[in-house]
Amino acid sequence: MVSMSAVVFDGKQLAREREELLRQRILNLGKQLKLVSVYFNEDKTGQLYTRLKGEAAQRVGIGFEKVECAFDDDMELLKKRIKEVCERTDVTGMLIQKPPKKMYHQELWEQLVVAIDPDKDADGLSPERKVLPATVKAVMTILQGVPLRGKRVVVVGRSEIVGSPLARELVKMGMEVQNVGSGEVDLGAVTKQADILVSATGREKLITADMVKEGAVVIDVGEPKPDVDFELVKEKASFITPVPGGVGPMTVVSLLENVVELGQ
């Protein structure tokens, strides 16, 4: 079979276009919005993401503030800080920059997420969230340009940040969706059936070319490193998102769109 080369999605370009639309929307709203990001000083990647979100917020006219924490901070103190941020009348939305699993225990993270007031939860992570998780919203936006009717979707990864809520949203749209974990027995046999394959596991190059159906749409939600073996898979897919420059920029602008939604 003749190999193809995929359309490579330009997340930076689309994010810039959506930022401009958002900037105009905020001007028309006529009120000051503010986003607060809580992050851990031991998490260098989290510091980078916090900076990028702050720069994007500034570009569209949203105020931005950082709150620094440490892994050895008392849990009750951390929850108190989160509550104090949520109670501030000048704060429209807040988020907690999630550190890698190897740096922070999942149960502790879940305690922090539950402490966020749903009315201020810009990342859409709390159980009673008012907005879609930012990364889920980013993927859904990307898929707006993809024919979906009659397509089989496989979402790899079952986290409550991306995989599971994304699968639920796609089911609501009437899609045939299979949501599997990265440790699924014979994962490749499952992913190779997908017309649209989304991987959100954080496992570098988990998805190889032999696991992808010819002509599939491949959405890579890996960060900071790709879930997908990009160079080889792009020769087999019809459409693919790169890392970096794909879902990442779209997640940032989706977060800012959530802030505006919470502030209306």
Protein backbone atom coordinates (compact mmCIF):
# COMPACT_ATOMS: atom_id res chain seq x y z
CA MET A 1 0.00 0.00 0.00
CA VAL A 2 1.26 3.47 -0.91
CA SER A 3 2.17 5.45 2.19
CA MET A 4 0.50 8.79 2.83
CA SER A 5 1.60 11.80 4.80
CA ALA A 6 -0.85 13.23 7.28
CA VAL A 7 -2.17 16.74 7.53
CA VAL A 8 -0.28 18.08 10.56
CA PHE A 9 -2.53 20.20 12.75
CA ASP A 10 -1.18 23.68 13.60
CA GLY A 11 -2.38 24.27 17.15
CA LYS A 12 -0.42 27.49 17.52
CA GLN A 13 -2.14 29.11 14.54
CA LEU A 14 -5.68 28.12 15.57
CA ALA A 15 -4.97 29.17 19.16
CA ARG A 16 -3.86 32.61 17.94
CA GLU A 17 -7.08 32.98 15.95
CA ARG A 18 -9.20 31.98 18.94
CA GLU A 19 -7.23 34.32 21.21
CA GLU A 20 -8.11 37.24 18.96
CA LEU A 21 -11.79 36.32 19.04
CA LEU A 22 -11.57 35.96 22.81
CA ARG A 23 -9.84 39.34 23.20
CA GLN A 24 -12.72 41.01 21.37
CA ARG A 25 -15.25 39.09 23.44
CA ILE A 26 -13.61 40.28 26.67
CA LEU A 27 -13.58 43.88 25.45
CA ASN A 28 -17.29 43.62 24.70
CA LEU A 29 -17.91 42.06 28.11
CA GLY A 30 -16.67 45.26 29.73
CA LYS A 31 -15.50 43.76 33.02
CA GLN A 32 -12.16 42.77 34.55
CA LEU A 33 -11.49 39.05 34.71
CA LYS A 34 -8.74 37.35 36.69
CA LEU A 35 -7.23 33.86 36.58
CA VAL A 36 -5.16 32.50 39.48
CA SER A 37 -2.80 29.56 38.99
CA VAL A 38 -1.61 27.50 41.97
CA TYR A 39 1.58 25.58 41.25
CA PHE A 40 4.30 23.63 43.06
CA ASN A 41 7.77 25.13 43.11
CA GLU A 42 9.41 21.70 42.75
CA ASP A 43 7.62 21.09 39.44
CA LYS A 44 9.72 22.77 36.73
CA THR A 45 7.35 21.75 33.93
CA GLY A 46 4.42 23.13 35.92
CA GLN A 47 6.29 26.42 36.29
CA LEU A 48 6.71 26.56 32.50
CA TYR A 49 3.03 25.88 31.86
CA THR A 50 2.07 28.49 34.44
CA ARG A 51 4.23 31.07 32.66
CA LEU A 52 2.73 30.22 29.26
CA LYS A 53 -0.81 30.50 30.63
CA GLY A 54 0.04 33.84 32.20
CA GLU A 55 1.41 35.18 28.90
CA ALA A 56 -1.69 34.00 27.04
CA ALA A 57 -3.99 35.57 29.65
CA GLN A 58 -2.17 38.87 29.25
CA ARG A 59 -2.58 38.74 25.46
CA VAL A 60 -6.37 38.46 25.66
CA GLY A 61 -6.84 40.89 28.55
CA ILE A 62 -7.34 38.56 31.52
CA GLY A 63 -5.54 39.39 34.75
CA PHE A 64 -3.23 36.65 35.99
CA GLU A 65 -1.77 35.78 39.37
CA LYS A 66 0.49 32.94 40.56
CA VAL A 67 0.30 31.22 43.95
CA GLU A 68 3.35 29.13 44.80
CA CYS A 69 3.15 26.01 46.98
CA ALA A 70 5.50 23.20 47.98
CA PHE A 71 5.01 19.45 48.14
CA ASP A 72 5.76 19.37 51.85
CA ASP A 73 3.12 22.00 52.66
CA ASP A 74 0.46 20.74 55.05
CA MET A 75 -2.63 19.50 53.17
CA GLU A 76 -5.03 21.53 55.30
CA LEU A 77 -2.94 24.65 54.61
CA LEU A 78 -3.07 23.97 50.87
CA LYS A 79 -6.84 23.51 50.94
CA LYS A 80 -7.17 26.69 52.98
CA ARG A 81 -5.19 28.61 50.34
CA ILE A 82 -7.42 27.23 47.60
CA LYS A 83 -10.54 28.22 49.53
CA GLU A 84 -9.19 31.72 50.13
CA VAL A 85 -8.50 32.18 46.42
CA CYS A 86 -11.98 30.95 45.51
CA GLU A 87 -13.61 33.33 48.00
CA ARG A 88 -11.89 36.41 46.54
CA THR A 89 -14.35 38.59 44.63
CA ASP A 90 -11.66 39.75 42.20
CA VAL A 91 -10.94 36.16 41.07
CA THR A 92 -13.00 34.84 38.17
CA GLY A 93 -11.35 31.43 37.90
CA MET A 94 -8.51 29.38 39.30
CA LEU A 95 -6.57 26.24 38.48
CA ILE A 96 -4.01 23.97 40.09
CA GLN A 97 -1.12 22.97 37.87
CA LYS A 98 -0.99 19.18 38.22
CA PRO A 99 2.51 17.79 38.77
CA PRO A 100 3.64 14.46 37.25
CA LYS A 101 2.40 11.31 39.01
CA LYS A 102 5.92 10.41 40.06
CA MET A 103 6.14 13.69 42.02
CA TYR A 104 2.80 13.76 43.80
CA HIS A 105 0.41 11.10 45.10
CA GLN A 106 -2.92 10.85 43.25
CA GLU A 107 -4.99 10.79 46.46
CA LEU A 108 -3.47 14.08 47.59
CA TRP A 109 -4.16 15.62 44.19
CA GLU A 110 -7.79 14.53 44.37
CA GLN A 111 -8.16 16.21 47.76
CA LEU A 112 -6.97 19.49 46.27
CA VAL A 113 -9.28 19.26 43.26
CA VAL A 114 -12.31 18.66 45.49
CA ALA A 115 -11.41 21.84 47.41
CA ILE A 116 -11.94 24.02 44.32
CA ASP A 117 -15.23 25.92 44.20
CA PRO A 118 -16.98 24.71 40.98
CA ASP A 119 -17.95 28.32 40.25
CA LYS A 120 -14.24 29.24 40.05
CA ASP A 121 -12.94 25.98 38.51
CA ALA A 122 -11.46 27.22 35.22
CA ASP A 123 -9.83 23.89 34.38
CA GLY A 124 -13.09 21.97 34.84
CA LEU A 125 -11.59 19.40 37.21
CA SER A 126 -13.90 19.50 40.24
CA PRO A 127 -16.75 16.95 40.46
CA GLU A 128 -19.46 19.64 40.09
CA ARG A 129 -17.64 21.57 37.38
CA LYS A 130 -19.50 24.23 35.39
CA VAL A 131 -17.22 24.06 32.32
CA LEU A 132 -15.59 21.27 30.32
CA PRO A 133 -12.03 20.31 31.33
CA ALA A 134 -9.80 22.58 29.25
CA THR A 135 -7.96 19.74 27.49
CA VAL A 136 -11.23 17.98 26.64
CA LYS A 137 -12.54 21.24 25.21
CA ALA A 138 -9.34 21.58 23.18
CA VAL A 139 -9.71 18.11 21.65
CA MET A 140 -13.39 18.71 20.89
CA THR A 141 -12.48 21.96 19.14
CA ILE A 142 -9.84 20.21 17.02
CA LEU A 143 -12.35 17.51 16.08
CA GLN A 144 -14.78 20.15 14.79
CA GLY A 145 -12.75 20.10 11.59
CA VAL A 146 -12.94 16.30 11.27
CA PRO A 147 -15.87 14.34 9.78
CA LEU A 148 -17.24 12.33 12.71
CA ARG A 149 -20.42 10.68 11.49
CA GLY A 150 -20.10 6.89 11.39
CA LYS A 151 -16.56 6.94 12.76
CA ARG A 152 -15.26 4.60 15.43
CA VAL A 153 -13.34 6.40 18.21
CA VAL A 154 -10.82 4.90 20.61
CA VAL A 155 -9.64 7.02 23.54
CA VAL A 156 -6.56 5.64 25.29
CA GLY A 157 -6.29 6.85 28.89
CA ARG A 158 -8.94 6.94 31.59
CA SER A 159 -7.96 9.94 33.70
CA GLU A 160 -10.68 12.28 34.93
CA ILE A 161 -8.75 15.18 33.41
CA VAL A 162 -8.91 14.00 29.79
CA GLY A 163 -9.68 10.40 28.84
CA SER A 164 -12.89 9.62 30.70
CA PRO A 165 -14.66 13.00 30.31
CA LEU A 166 -13.64 13.15 26.64
CA ALA A 167 -15.13 9.71 26.02
CA ARG A 168 -18.36 10.80 27.74
CA GLU A 169 -18.62 13.95 25.61
CA LEU A 170 -18.13 11.98 22.40
CA VAL A 171 -20.79 9.48 23.46
CA LYS A 172 -23.18 12.40 24.00
CA MET A 173 -22.58 13.30 20.35
CA GLY A 174 -23.72 9.84 19.34
CA MET A 175 -20.24 8.52 18.57
CA GLU A 176 -19.19 4.90 18.95
CA VAL A 177 -16.46 5.24 21.59
CA GLN A 178 -14.19 2.76 23.33
CA ASN A 179 -12.22 4.11 26.31
CA VAL A 180 -9.28 1.91 27.29
CA GLY A 181 -6.33 2.12 29.66
CA SER A 182 -2.73 2.18 28.48
CA GLY A 183 -2.22 -1.27 30.02
CA GLU A 184 -5.00 -2.88 27.96
CA VAL A 185 -4.11 -6.40 26.85
CA ASP A 186 -3.21 -6.26 23.14
CA LEU A 187 -3.76 -2.50 23.04
CA GLY A 188 -2.65 -2.36 19.41
CA ALA A 189 -5.51 -4.62 18.29
CA VAL A 190 -7.95 -2.12 19.83
CA THR A 191 -6.32 1.07 18.54
CA LYS A 192 -5.98 -0.33 15.02
CA GLN A 193 -9.79 -0.44 14.76
CA ALA A 194 -10.07 3.31 15.38
CA ASP A 195 -10.97 5.79 12.67
CA ILE A 196 -10.21 8.45 15.28
CA LEU A 197 -7.54 7.63 17.86
CA VAL A 198 -6.94 9.86 20.88
CA SER A 199 -4.09 9.05 23.25
CA ALA A 200 -3.88 10.78 26.64
CA THR A 201 -1.66 8.62 28.84
CA GLY A 202 1.59 10.50 29.40
CA ARG A 203 3.53 7.43 28.22
CA GLU A 204 6.10 8.53 25.67
CA LYS A 205 5.69 6.98 22.19
CA LEU A 206 3.15 4.45 23.44
CA ILE A 207 1.35 4.58 20.09
CA THR A 208 3.49 3.18 17.29
CA ALA A 209 2.74 3.00 13.56
CA ASP A 210 1.70 -0.66 13.67
CA MET A 211 -1.05 0.28 16.18
CA VAL A 212 -2.69 2.80 13.83
CA LYS A 213 -5.25 2.20 11.10
CA GLU A 214 -4.33 3.46 7.64
CA GLY A 215 -5.87 6.91 7.18
CA ALA A 216 -6.83 7.36 10.84
CA VAL A 217 -7.16 10.70 12.61
CA VAL A 218 -4.64 10.71 15.49
CA ILE A 219 -4.90 13.16 18.40
CA ASP A 220 -1.88 13.17 20.72
CA VAL A 221 -2.59 14.60 24.17
CA GLY A 222 0.79 13.63 25.60
CA GLU A 223 2.66 16.27 27.61
CA PRO A 224 5.36 17.33 27.83
CA LYS A 225 6.45 14.42 25.60
CA PRO A 226 4.33 12.78 22.90
CA ASP A 227 2.22 9.67 23.38
CA VAL A 228 2.57 9.00 19.65
CA ASP A 229 5.62 8.07 17.58
CA PHE A 230 4.99 11.11 15.39
CA GLU A 231 7.49 10.66 12.55
CA LEU A 232 6.33 7.14 11.70
CA VAL A 233 2.64 7.52 12.48
CA LYS A 234 2.27 10.66 10.33
CA GLU A 235 3.12 8.54 7.28
CA LYS A 236 0.10 6.36 8.01
CA ALA A 237 -2.48 8.75 9.44
CA SER A 238 -4.59 11.22 7.46
CA PHE A 239 -4.51 13.87 10.22
CA ILE A 240 -2.27 14.15 13.29
CA THR A 241 -1.56 16.60 16.10
CA PRO A 242 2.10 17.16 17.01
CA VAL A 243 3.65 17.54 20.47
CA PRO A 244 4.50 20.30 21.10
CA GLY A 245 2.33 22.67 19.07
CA GLY A 246 -0.88 20.67 18.82
CA VAL A 247 -3.30 20.08 21.68
CA GLY A 248 -1.16 22.13 24.13
CA PRO A 249 -1.79 25.64 22.71
CA MET A 250 -5.46 24.77 22.24
CA THR A 251 -5.71 23.72 25.89
CA VAL A 252 -4.39 27.09 27.02
CA VAL A 253 -6.87 29.08 24.95
CA SER A 254 -9.67 26.70 26.03
CA LEU A 255 -8.77 27.45 29.66
CA LEU A 256 -9.09 31.18 28.97
CA GLU A 257 -12.42 30.62 27.22
CA ASN A 258 -13.56 28.83 30.38
CA VAL A 259 -12.57 31.87 32.47
CA VAL A 260 -14.74 34.08 30.29
CA GLU A 261 -17.61 31.61 30.53
CA LEU A 262 -17.34 31.61 34.34
CA GLY A 263 -17.20 35.41 34.36
CA GLN A 264 -20.37 36.00 32.37
